Amino acid sequence: MTRTIRSMMACGVVGVAGLALTGCDSAPRPVPHSTEVSLGDTLQGQTVEVDIVGVNNDANLAEWEAYNVNDYFKAGDARRAEARKHTMKFAQGSTNMVTLSKDDGVWKDWNKPTHLVILANIPGMSDQGGKATDPRRKVLPMYSNFWEKQELQVTVQRSGVKVLTPEKPKKK
């Protein structure tokens, strides 16, 4: 073979290998989801605060999952004061449904969050605080392949935070 043909073949092999290595990146990526939060009937007319925090790494996620929700909602809590959060306040005479748009500027502050942590200060539930499974906290994955819909629906009830949006079926 001539030198030119060998050079062209080598370039072709390198190009194909490069495409194969980058290929179709099918790994799920975190994407913003509009998140609708509503109050359940048993909390209508009561004052309820809901914070949504975007978390973009596993170390911070573990801290949020373990943090005492009672402490978080205490006046002067440093973690709450320092958190990059979106706060929703429900009270008598206000709307019972608020949506965090996927286009809201807070998503940029969160820097491609892999999870949302939703924390609700629900009247009468202060006895749950120290548990990792506190029903006033929900952690929602933000991956593109996780939810059936792009808009997430969450309701805050007297018994805790509930996610209404179904997950996509797991592939076998």
N, C-alpha and C. Protein backbone atom coordinates (compact mmCIF):
# COMPACT_ATOMS: atom_id res chain seq x y z
N MET A 1 0.84 -1.19 0.00
CA MET A 1 0.00 0.00 0.00
C MET A 1 0.88 1.24 0.00
N THR A 2 0.35 2.23 -0.59
CA THR A 2 1.12 3.46 -0.60
C THR A 2 0.98 4.16 0.74
N ARG A 3 1.90 5.04 0.97
CA ARG A 3 1.93 5.76 2.24
C ARG A 3 0.65 6.60 2.43
N THR A 4 0.14 7.19 1.39
CA THR A 4 -1.06 8.02 1.45
C THR A 4 -2.28 7.20 1.86
N ILE A 5 -2.41 6.02 1.28
CA ILE A 5 -3.55 5.16 1.60
C ILE A 5 -3.47 4.72 3.06
N ARG A 6 -2.27 4.34 3.51
CA ARG A 6 -2.12 3.92 4.91
C ARG A 6 -2.47 5.07 5.86
N SER A 7 -2.06 6.27 5.52
CA SER A 7 -2.36 7.44 6.36
C SER A 7 -3.86 7.68 6.42
N MET A 8 -4.52 7.56 5.28
CA MET A 8 -5.97 7.75 5.24
C MET A 8 -6.68 6.67 6.05
N MET A 9 -6.22 5.43 5.96
CA MET A 9 -6.83 4.34 6.73
C MET A 9 -6.61 4.56 8.22
N ALA A 10 -5.43 5.00 8.59
CA ALA A 10 -5.14 5.25 10.01
C ALA A 10 -6.05 6.35 10.54
N CYS A 11 -6.23 7.40 9.77
CA CYS A 11 -7.12 8.49 10.18
C CYS A 11 -8.55 7.98 10.32
N GLY A 12 -8.97 7.13 9.39
CA GLY A 12 -10.31 6.56 9.45
C GLY A 12 -10.51 5.72 10.68
N VAL A 13 -9.52 4.89 11.02
CA VAL A 13 -9.61 4.04 12.21
C VAL A 13 -9.68 4.90 13.46
N VAL A 14 -8.85 5.93 13.55
CA VAL A 14 -8.86 6.82 14.70
C VAL A 14 -10.22 7.53 14.81
N GLY A 15 -10.76 7.97 13.68
CA GLY A 15 -12.06 8.64 13.69
C GLY A 15 -13.17 7.73 14.16
N VAL A 16 -13.20 6.51 13.65
CA VAL A 16 -14.23 5.54 14.06
C VAL A 16 -14.08 5.20 15.54
N ALA A 17 -12.85 5.03 15.99
CA ALA A 17 -12.62 4.72 17.41
C ALA A 17 -13.09 5.88 18.28
N GLY A 18 -12.84 7.09 17.83
CA GLY A 18 -13.29 8.26 18.59
C GLY A 18 -14.80 8.31 18.70
N LEU A 19 -15.47 8.01 17.60
CA LEU A 19 -16.94 7.98 17.63
C LEU A 19 -17.45 6.86 18.53
N ALA A 20 -16.80 5.74 18.49
CA ALA A 20 -17.22 4.61 19.32
C ALA A 20 -17.05 4.93 20.79
N LEU A 21 -15.98 5.63 21.13
CA LEU A 21 -15.75 5.96 22.53
C LEU A 21 -16.71 7.03 23.04
N THR A 22 -17.05 8.01 22.19
CA THR A 22 -18.00 9.03 22.63
C THR A 22 -19.42 8.56 22.36
N GLY A 23 -19.62 7.94 21.21
CA GLY A 23 -20.87 7.28 20.85
C GLY A 23 -22.13 8.01 21.23
N CYS A 24 -23.16 7.25 21.37
CA CYS A 24 -24.44 7.77 21.83
C CYS A 24 -24.43 7.66 23.34
N ASP A 25 -24.22 8.76 23.99
CA ASP A 25 -24.16 8.76 25.45
C ASP A 25 -25.56 8.52 25.98
N SER A 26 -25.84 7.30 26.39
CA SER A 26 -27.19 6.95 26.83
C SER A 26 -27.34 7.03 28.34
N ALA A 27 -26.30 7.47 29.03
CA ALA A 27 -26.41 7.59 30.48
C ALA A 27 -27.43 8.68 30.81
N PRO A 28 -28.30 8.41 31.77
CA PRO A 28 -29.30 9.43 32.11
C PRO A 28 -28.62 10.67 32.68
N ARG A 29 -29.17 11.80 32.34
CA ARG A 29 -28.63 13.07 32.81
C ARG A 29 -29.67 13.78 33.65
N PRO A 30 -29.22 14.56 34.62
CA PRO A 30 -30.19 15.34 35.39
C PRO A 30 -30.75 16.48 34.54
N VAL A 31 -32.05 16.64 34.60
CA VAL A 31 -32.72 17.73 33.88
C VAL A 31 -33.71 18.41 34.82
N PRO A 32 -33.93 19.71 34.66
CA PRO A 32 -34.93 20.39 35.48
C PRO A 32 -36.33 19.85 35.17
N HIS A 33 -37.11 19.71 36.20
CA HIS A 33 -38.52 19.32 36.06
C HIS A 33 -39.37 20.38 36.76
N SER A 34 -40.40 20.88 36.08
CA SER A 34 -41.35 21.73 36.79
C SER A 34 -41.94 20.90 37.92
N THR A 35 -42.05 21.51 39.09
CA THR A 35 -42.49 20.77 40.27
C THR A 35 -43.66 21.50 40.91
N GLU A 36 -44.83 20.87 40.84
CA GLU A 36 -46.06 21.43 41.37
C GLU A 36 -46.27 20.89 42.78
N VAL A 37 -46.40 21.80 43.74
CA VAL A 37 -46.62 21.41 45.14
C VAL A 37 -48.00 21.92 45.54
N SER A 38 -48.82 21.01 46.09
CA SER A 38 -50.16 21.40 46.54
C SER A 38 -50.37 20.92 47.97
N LEU A 39 -51.32 21.55 48.64
CA LEU A 39 -51.70 21.13 49.99
C LEU A 39 -52.86 20.16 49.92
N GLY A 40 -52.78 19.12 50.72
CA GLY A 40 -53.90 18.19 50.83
C GLY A 40 -55.06 18.83 51.58
N ASP A 41 -56.23 18.23 51.46
CA ASP A 41 -57.44 18.79 52.07
C ASP A 41 -57.31 19.02 53.57
N THR A 42 -56.62 18.13 54.27
CA THR A 42 -56.54 18.25 55.73
C THR A 42 -55.66 19.41 56.19
N LEU A 43 -54.91 20.01 55.28
CA LEU A 43 -54.06 21.16 55.64
C LEU A 43 -54.57 22.48 55.08
N GLN A 44 -55.71 22.45 54.37
CA GLN A 44 -56.26 23.67 53.80
C GLN A 44 -56.46 24.71 54.90
N GLY A 45 -56.00 25.94 54.64
CA GLY A 45 -56.18 27.02 55.60
C GLY A 45 -55.12 27.08 56.68
N GLN A 46 -54.20 26.13 56.72
CA GLN A 46 -53.15 26.14 57.72
C GLN A 46 -51.86 26.71 57.12
N THR A 47 -50.98 27.18 57.98
CA THR A 47 -49.70 27.70 57.52
C THR A 47 -48.71 26.55 57.38
N VAL A 48 -48.20 26.38 56.17
CA VAL A 48 -47.24 25.32 55.88
C VAL A 48 -46.12 25.92 55.03
N GLU A 49 -44.89 25.69 55.44
CA GLU A 49 -43.74 26.11 54.65
C GLU A 49 -43.14 24.90 53.97
N VAL A 50 -42.77 25.06 52.71
CA VAL A 50 -42.13 23.99 51.95
C VAL A 50 -40.87 24.57 51.32
N ASP A 51 -39.75 23.91 51.56
CA ASP A 51 -38.49 24.30 50.92
C ASP A 51 -38.09 23.22 49.94
N ILE A 52 -37.63 23.64 48.77
CA ILE A 52 -37.08 22.72 47.77
C ILE A 52 -35.61 23.08 47.61
N VAL A 53 -34.76 22.08 47.77
CA VAL A 53 -33.31 22.27 47.69
C VAL A 53 -32.77 21.37 46.59
N GLY A 54 -32.00 21.94 45.68
CA GLY A 54 -31.34 21.16 44.64
C GLY A 54 -29.99 20.68 45.13
N VAL A 55 -29.72 19.40 44.94
CA VAL A 55 -28.46 18.80 45.40
C VAL A 55 -27.78 18.16 44.20
N ASN A 56 -26.48 18.44 44.03
CA ASN A 56 -25.81 17.93 42.84
C ASN A 56 -24.65 16.98 43.11
N ASN A 57 -24.56 16.44 44.33
CA ASN A 57 -23.55 15.40 44.56
C ASN A 57 -23.99 14.51 45.72
N ASP A 58 -23.47 13.28 45.73
CA ASP A 58 -23.91 12.27 46.70
C ASP A 58 -23.54 12.63 48.14
N ALA A 59 -22.40 13.28 48.35
CA ALA A 59 -22.00 13.64 49.71
C ALA A 59 -23.00 14.61 50.33
N ASN A 60 -23.38 15.63 49.58
CA ASN A 60 -24.37 16.58 50.10
C ASN A 60 -25.74 15.93 50.24
N LEU A 61 -26.08 15.03 49.34
CA LEU A 61 -27.37 14.35 49.42
C LEU A 61 -27.47 13.55 50.72
N ALA A 62 -26.42 12.84 51.07
CA ALA A 62 -26.42 12.05 52.32
C ALA A 62 -26.63 12.96 53.53
N GLU A 63 -26.03 14.13 53.52
CA GLU A 63 -26.21 15.08 54.63
C GLU A 63 -27.66 15.55 54.71
N TRP A 64 -28.25 15.86 53.56
CA TRP A 64 -29.64 16.30 53.55
C TRP A 64 -30.58 15.19 54.01
N GLU A 65 -30.31 13.97 53.62
CA GLU A 65 -31.17 12.85 54.02
C GLU A 65 -31.09 12.58 55.52
N ALA A 66 -29.98 12.90 56.13
CA ALA A 66 -29.79 12.62 57.56
C ALA A 66 -30.15 13.81 58.45
N TYR A 67 -30.30 14.98 57.89
CA TYR A 67 -30.48 16.18 58.71
C TYR A 67 -31.85 16.17 59.39
N ASN A 68 -31.88 16.58 60.64
CA ASN A 68 -33.09 16.60 61.44
C ASN A 68 -34.04 17.70 60.92
N VAL A 69 -35.22 17.31 60.49
CA VAL A 69 -36.17 18.26 59.91
C VAL A 69 -36.65 19.26 60.96
N ASN A 70 -36.80 18.83 62.21
CA ASN A 70 -37.16 19.78 63.27
C ASN A 70 -36.11 20.88 63.37
N ASP A 71 -34.84 20.48 63.39
CA ASP A 71 -33.76 21.47 63.48
C ASP A 71 -33.78 22.40 62.27
N TYR A 72 -34.02 21.84 61.11
CA TYR A 72 -34.02 22.63 59.87
C TYR A 72 -35.02 23.77 59.95
N PHE A 73 -36.21 23.52 60.50
CA PHE A 73 -37.25 24.55 60.54
C PHE A 73 -37.22 25.39 61.81
N LYS A 74 -36.25 25.17 62.72
CA LYS A 74 -36.10 26.03 63.90
C LYS A 74 -35.59 27.39 63.46
N ALA A 75 -36.06 28.43 64.15
CA ALA A 75 -35.59 29.78 63.85
C ALA A 75 -34.08 29.84 64.01
N GLY A 76 -33.42 30.45 63.04
CA GLY A 76 -31.98 30.63 63.11
C GLY A 76 -31.14 29.44 62.69
N ASP A 77 -31.76 28.38 62.15
CA ASP A 77 -30.98 27.22 61.72
C ASP A 77 -30.02 27.62 60.60
N ALA A 78 -28.73 27.37 60.82
CA ALA A 78 -27.70 27.77 59.85
C ALA A 78 -27.85 27.04 58.52
N ARG A 79 -28.17 25.76 58.58
CA ARG A 79 -28.29 24.99 57.33
C ARG A 79 -29.39 25.58 56.45
N ARG A 80 -30.53 25.91 57.05
CA ARG A 80 -31.62 26.48 56.27
C ARG A 80 -31.25 27.87 55.76
N ALA A 81 -30.62 28.66 56.62
CA ALA A 81 -30.24 30.02 56.22
C ALA A 81 -29.26 30.01 55.05
N GLU A 82 -28.36 29.04 55.03
CA GLU A 82 -27.32 28.99 54.00
C GLU A 82 -27.73 28.21 52.75
N ALA A 83 -28.81 27.47 52.83
CA ALA A 83 -29.23 26.62 51.71
C ALA A 83 -29.67 27.45 50.51
N ARG A 84 -29.31 26.98 49.34
CA ARG A 84 -29.86 27.55 48.10
C ARG A 84 -31.18 26.83 47.90
N LYS A 85 -32.25 27.51 48.20
CA LYS A 85 -33.56 26.86 48.23
C LYS A 85 -34.61 27.71 47.55
N HIS A 86 -35.70 27.07 47.25
CA HIS A 86 -36.90 27.74 46.76
C HIS A 86 -37.96 27.49 47.83
N THR A 87 -38.47 28.56 48.44
CA THR A 87 -39.43 28.42 49.53
C THR A 87 -40.84 28.73 49.03
N MET A 88 -41.77 27.87 49.42
CA MET A 88 -43.19 28.08 49.14
C MET A 88 -43.90 28.21 50.48
N LYS A 89 -44.73 29.23 50.61
CA LYS A 89 -45.47 29.43 51.85
C LYS A 89 -46.96 29.34 51.54
N PHE A 90 -47.60 28.46 52.25
CA PHE A 90 -49.05 28.29 52.12
C PHE A 90 -49.68 28.81 53.41
N ALA A 91 -50.75 29.57 53.29
CA ALA A 91 -51.45 30.09 54.46
C ALA A 91 -52.91 30.29 54.09
N GLN A 92 -53.73 30.53 55.13
CA GLN A 92 -55.14 30.76 54.87
C GLN A 92 -55.29 31.96 53.95
N GLY A 93 -56.10 31.80 52.93
CA GLY A 93 -56.34 32.86 51.97
C GLY A 93 -55.37 32.87 50.80
N SER A 94 -54.35 32.02 50.85
CA SER A 94 -53.41 31.97 49.72
C SER A 94 -53.74 30.75 48.86
N THR A 95 -53.09 30.67 47.74
CA THR A 95 -53.31 29.54 46.84
C THR A 95 -52.86 28.24 47.50
N ASN A 96 -53.48 27.16 47.13
CA ASN A 96 -53.12 25.85 47.69
C ASN A 96 -52.25 25.04 46.73
N MET A 97 -51.75 25.71 45.68
CA MET A 97 -50.88 25.03 44.73
C MET A 97 -49.88 26.05 44.19
N VAL A 98 -48.60 25.67 44.22
CA VAL A 98 -47.53 26.53 43.70
C VAL A 98 -46.63 25.66 42.83
N THR A 99 -46.17 26.21 41.71
CA THR A 99 -45.29 25.47 40.81
C THR A 99 -43.92 26.14 40.73
N LEU A 100 -42.89 25.33 40.91
CA LEU A 100 -41.52 25.76 40.62
C LEU A 100 -41.28 25.39 39.17
N SER A 101 -41.17 26.41 38.32
CA SER A 101 -40.99 26.18 36.89
C SER A 101 -39.60 25.62 36.59
N LYS A 102 -39.53 24.77 35.58
CA LYS A 102 -38.23 24.25 35.16
C LYS A 102 -37.36 25.35 34.58
N ASP A 103 -37.95 26.52 34.30
CA ASP A 103 -37.21 27.66 33.77
C ASP A 103 -36.82 28.68 34.84
N ASP A 104 -37.18 28.41 36.09
CA ASP A 104 -36.85 29.33 37.19
C ASP A 104 -35.33 29.45 37.33
N GLY A 105 -34.86 30.63 37.66
CA GLY A 105 -33.43 30.87 37.81
C GLY A 105 -32.74 30.06 38.89
N VAL A 106 -33.50 29.54 39.84
CA VAL A 106 -32.89 28.76 40.93
C VAL A 106 -32.21 27.50 40.40
N TRP A 107 -32.67 26.97 39.26
CA TRP A 107 -32.04 25.78 38.68
C TRP A 107 -30.59 26.06 38.32
N LYS A 108 -30.30 27.27 37.86
CA LYS A 108 -28.91 27.64 37.56
C LYS A 108 -28.09 27.71 38.84
N ASP A 109 -28.68 28.24 39.91
CA ASP A 109 -27.99 28.29 41.21
C ASP A 109 -27.64 26.89 41.70
N TRP A 110 -28.51 25.94 41.42
CA TRP A 110 -28.30 24.57 41.88
C TRP A 110 -27.27 23.81 41.04
N ASN A 111 -26.95 24.31 39.86
CA ASN A 111 -25.90 23.71 39.02
C ASN A 111 -26.16 22.25 38.68
N LYS A 112 -27.19 22.02 37.89
CA LYS A 112 -27.55 20.68 37.41
C LYS A 112 -27.77 19.68 38.56
N PRO A 113 -28.76 19.92 39.39
CA PRO A 113 -28.98 19.01 40.52
C PRO A 113 -29.40 17.62 40.07
N THR A 114 -28.87 16.63 40.75
CA THR A 114 -29.25 15.24 40.49
C THR A 114 -30.49 14.86 41.29
N HIS A 115 -30.76 15.60 42.35
CA HIS A 115 -31.91 15.33 43.22
C HIS A 115 -32.49 16.64 43.74
N LEU A 116 -33.79 16.63 44.01
CA LEU A 116 -34.44 17.68 44.77
C LEU A 116 -34.78 17.11 46.13
N VAL A 117 -34.51 17.88 47.17
CA VAL A 117 -34.94 17.50 48.51
C VAL A 117 -36.09 18.45 48.86
N ILE A 118 -37.24 17.87 49.16
CA ILE A 118 -38.42 18.65 49.52
C ILE A 118 -38.64 18.47 51.01
N LEU A 119 -38.67 19.60 51.73
CA LEU A 119 -38.87 19.58 53.18
C LEU A 119 -40.10 20.41 53.50
N ALA A 120 -40.99 19.87 54.32
CA ALA A 120 -42.23 20.57 54.66
C ALA A 120 -42.36 20.71 56.17
N ASN A 121 -42.70 21.91 56.60
CA ASN A 121 -42.95 22.18 58.02
C ASN A 121 -44.45 22.02 58.25
N ILE A 122 -44.85 20.81 58.60
CA ILE A 122 -46.26 20.44 58.72
C ILE A 122 -46.69 20.56 60.17
N PRO A 123 -47.73 21.34 60.46
CA PRO A 123 -48.20 21.47 61.84
C PRO A 123 -48.54 20.11 62.45
N GLY A 124 -48.09 19.91 63.69
CA GLY A 124 -48.41 18.69 64.42
C GLY A 124 -47.51 17.50 64.12
N MET A 125 -46.45 17.68 63.36
CA MET A 125 -45.58 16.54 63.02
C MET A 125 -44.16 16.70 63.55
N SER A 126 -43.97 17.43 64.62
CA SER A 126 -42.62 17.68 65.11
C SER A 126 -41.98 16.47 65.78
N ASP A 127 -42.73 15.39 65.98
CA ASP A 127 -42.17 14.20 66.64
C ASP A 127 -41.39 13.30 65.68
N GLN A 128 -41.28 13.65 64.42
CA GLN A 128 -40.62 12.81 63.41
C GLN A 128 -39.17 13.18 63.18
N GLY A 129 -38.74 14.31 63.69
CA GLY A 129 -37.51 14.98 63.29
C GLY A 129 -36.22 14.23 63.16
N GLY A 130 -35.90 13.32 64.04
CA GLY A 130 -34.59 12.71 64.00
C GLY A 130 -34.45 11.52 63.08
N LYS A 131 -35.49 11.15 62.40
CA LYS A 131 -35.47 9.93 61.59
C LYS A 131 -35.07 10.22 60.15
N ALA A 132 -34.27 9.33 59.59
CA ALA A 132 -33.90 9.47 58.18
C ALA A 132 -35.12 9.31 57.28
N THR A 133 -36.12 8.60 57.78
CA THR A 133 -37.34 8.36 57.00
C THR A 133 -38.45 9.35 57.36
N ASP A 134 -38.09 10.50 57.88
CA ASP A 134 -39.07 11.52 58.26
C ASP A 134 -40.01 11.78 57.08
N PRO A 135 -41.34 11.60 57.28
CA PRO A 135 -42.28 11.77 56.17
C PRO A 135 -42.41 13.22 55.68
N ARG A 136 -41.81 14.16 56.39
CA ARG A 136 -41.84 15.56 55.95
C ARG A 136 -40.74 15.86 54.93
N ARG A 137 -39.95 14.85 54.58
CA ARG A 137 -38.86 15.03 53.62
C ARG A 137 -39.02 13.99 52.51
N LYS A 138 -38.89 14.44 51.27
CA LYS A 138 -38.85 13.53 50.12
C LYS A 138 -37.66 13.93 49.26
N VAL A 139 -37.01 12.91 48.71
CA VAL A 139 -35.88 13.12 47.80
C VAL A 139 -36.31 12.63 46.43
N LEU A 140 -36.25 13.52 45.44
CA LEU A 140 -36.70 13.19 44.09
C LEU A 140 -35.53 13.21 43.11
N PRO A 141 -35.26 12.10 42.43
CA PRO A 141 -34.23 12.09 41.40
C PRO A 141 -34.64 12.99 40.24
N MET A 142 -33.68 13.63 39.64
CA MET A 142 -33.95 14.55 38.53
C MET A 142 -33.50 13.98 37.18
N TYR A 143 -33.24 12.70 37.12
CA TYR A 143 -32.74 12.10 35.88
C TYR A 143 -33.83 12.04 34.82
N SER A 144 -33.40 12.23 33.58
CA SER A 144 -34.32 12.31 32.45
C SER A 144 -35.13 11.04 32.24
N ASN A 145 -34.64 9.91 32.69
CA ASN A 145 -35.32 8.64 32.43
C ASN A 145 -36.08 8.11 33.65
N PHE A 146 -36.29 8.92 34.68
CA PHE A 146 -36.85 8.41 35.92
C PHE A 146 -38.37 8.55 36.02
N TRP A 147 -38.92 9.67 35.54
CA TRP A 147 -40.34 9.97 35.74
C TRP A 147 -41.14 9.80 34.46
N GLU A 148 -42.40 9.44 34.62
CA GLU A 148 -43.33 9.31 33.49
C GLU A 148 -43.59 10.65 32.81
N LYS A 149 -43.62 11.72 33.60
CA LYS A 149 -43.94 13.05 33.07
C LYS A 149 -42.79 14.00 33.39
N GLN A 150 -42.73 15.08 32.64
CA GLN A 150 -41.70 16.09 32.90
C GLN A 150 -42.12 17.04 34.02
N GLU A 151 -43.42 17.12 34.32
CA GLU A 151 -43.86 17.93 35.45
C GLU A 151 -44.15 17.00 36.62
N LEU A 152 -43.48 17.27 37.72
CA LEU A 152 -43.68 16.46 38.92
C LEU A 152 -44.79 17.05 39.76
N GLN A 153 -45.59 16.17 40.35
CA GLN A 153 -46.68 16.61 41.22
C GLN A 153 -46.44 16.03 42.61
N VAL A 154 -46.45 16.95 43.58
CA VAL A 154 -46.20 16.59 44.97
C VAL A 154 -47.33 17.19 45.79
N THR A 155 -47.81 16.45 46.77
CA THR A 155 -48.81 17.01 47.68
C THR A 155 -48.29 16.89 49.11
N VAL A 156 -48.60 17.91 49.89
CA VAL A 156 -48.23 17.91 51.30
C VAL A 156 -49.50 17.64 52.09
N GLN A 157 -49.48 16.55 52.83
CA GLN A 157 -50.64 16.14 53.63
C GLN A 157 -50.25 16.15 55.10
N ARG A 158 -51.23 16.01 55.95
CA ARG A 158 -50.95 15.96 57.38
C ARG A 158 -49.99 14.81 57.71
N SER A 159 -50.02 13.74 56.93
CA SER A 159 -49.16 12.57 57.18
C SER A 159 -47.78 12.69 56.54
N GLY A 160 -47.55 13.73 55.74
CA GLY A 160 -46.23 13.90 55.14
C GLY A 160 -46.29 14.31 53.68
N VAL A 161 -45.13 14.33 53.06
CA VAL A 161 -44.99 14.71 51.65
C VAL A 161 -45.19 13.47 50.79
N LYS A 162 -46.06 13.57 49.79
CA LYS A 162 -46.36 12.44 48.89
C LYS A 162 -46.07 12.85 47.45
N VAL A 163 -45.46 11.94 46.70
CA VAL A 163 -45.19 12.17 45.28
C VAL A 163 -46.30 11.50 44.48
N LEU A 164 -46.97 12.27 43.63
CA LEU A 164 -48.08 11.74 42.84
C LEU A 164 -47.65 11.28 41.45
N THR A 165 -46.57 11.82 40.94
CA THR A 165 -46.09 11.47 39.60
C THR A 165 -45.53 10.06 39.59
N PRO A 166 -46.00 9.21 38.69
CA PRO A 166 -45.47 7.84 38.64
C PRO A 166 -44.06 7.81 38.05
N GLU A 167 -43.29 6.83 38.52
CA GLU A 167 -41.97 6.58 37.96
C GLU A 167 -42.15 5.80 36.66
N LYS A 168 -41.17 5.92 35.77
CA LYS A 168 -41.17 5.08 34.57
C LYS A 168 -40.89 3.65 34.99
N PRO A 169 -41.47 2.68 34.30
CA PRO A 169 -41.16 1.28 34.62
C PRO A 169 -39.67 1.01 34.39
N LYS A 170 -39.11 0.20 35.25
CA LYS A 170 -37.70 -0.18 35.12
C LYS A 170 -37.54 -1.12 33.93
N LYS A 171 -36.50 -0.90 33.13
CA LYS A 171 -36.23 -1.80 32.00
C LYS A 171 -35.59 -3.07 32.52
N LYS A 172 -36.02 -4.19 31.93
CA LYS A 172 -35.52 -5.49 32.38
C LYS A 172 -34.28 -5.87 31.65
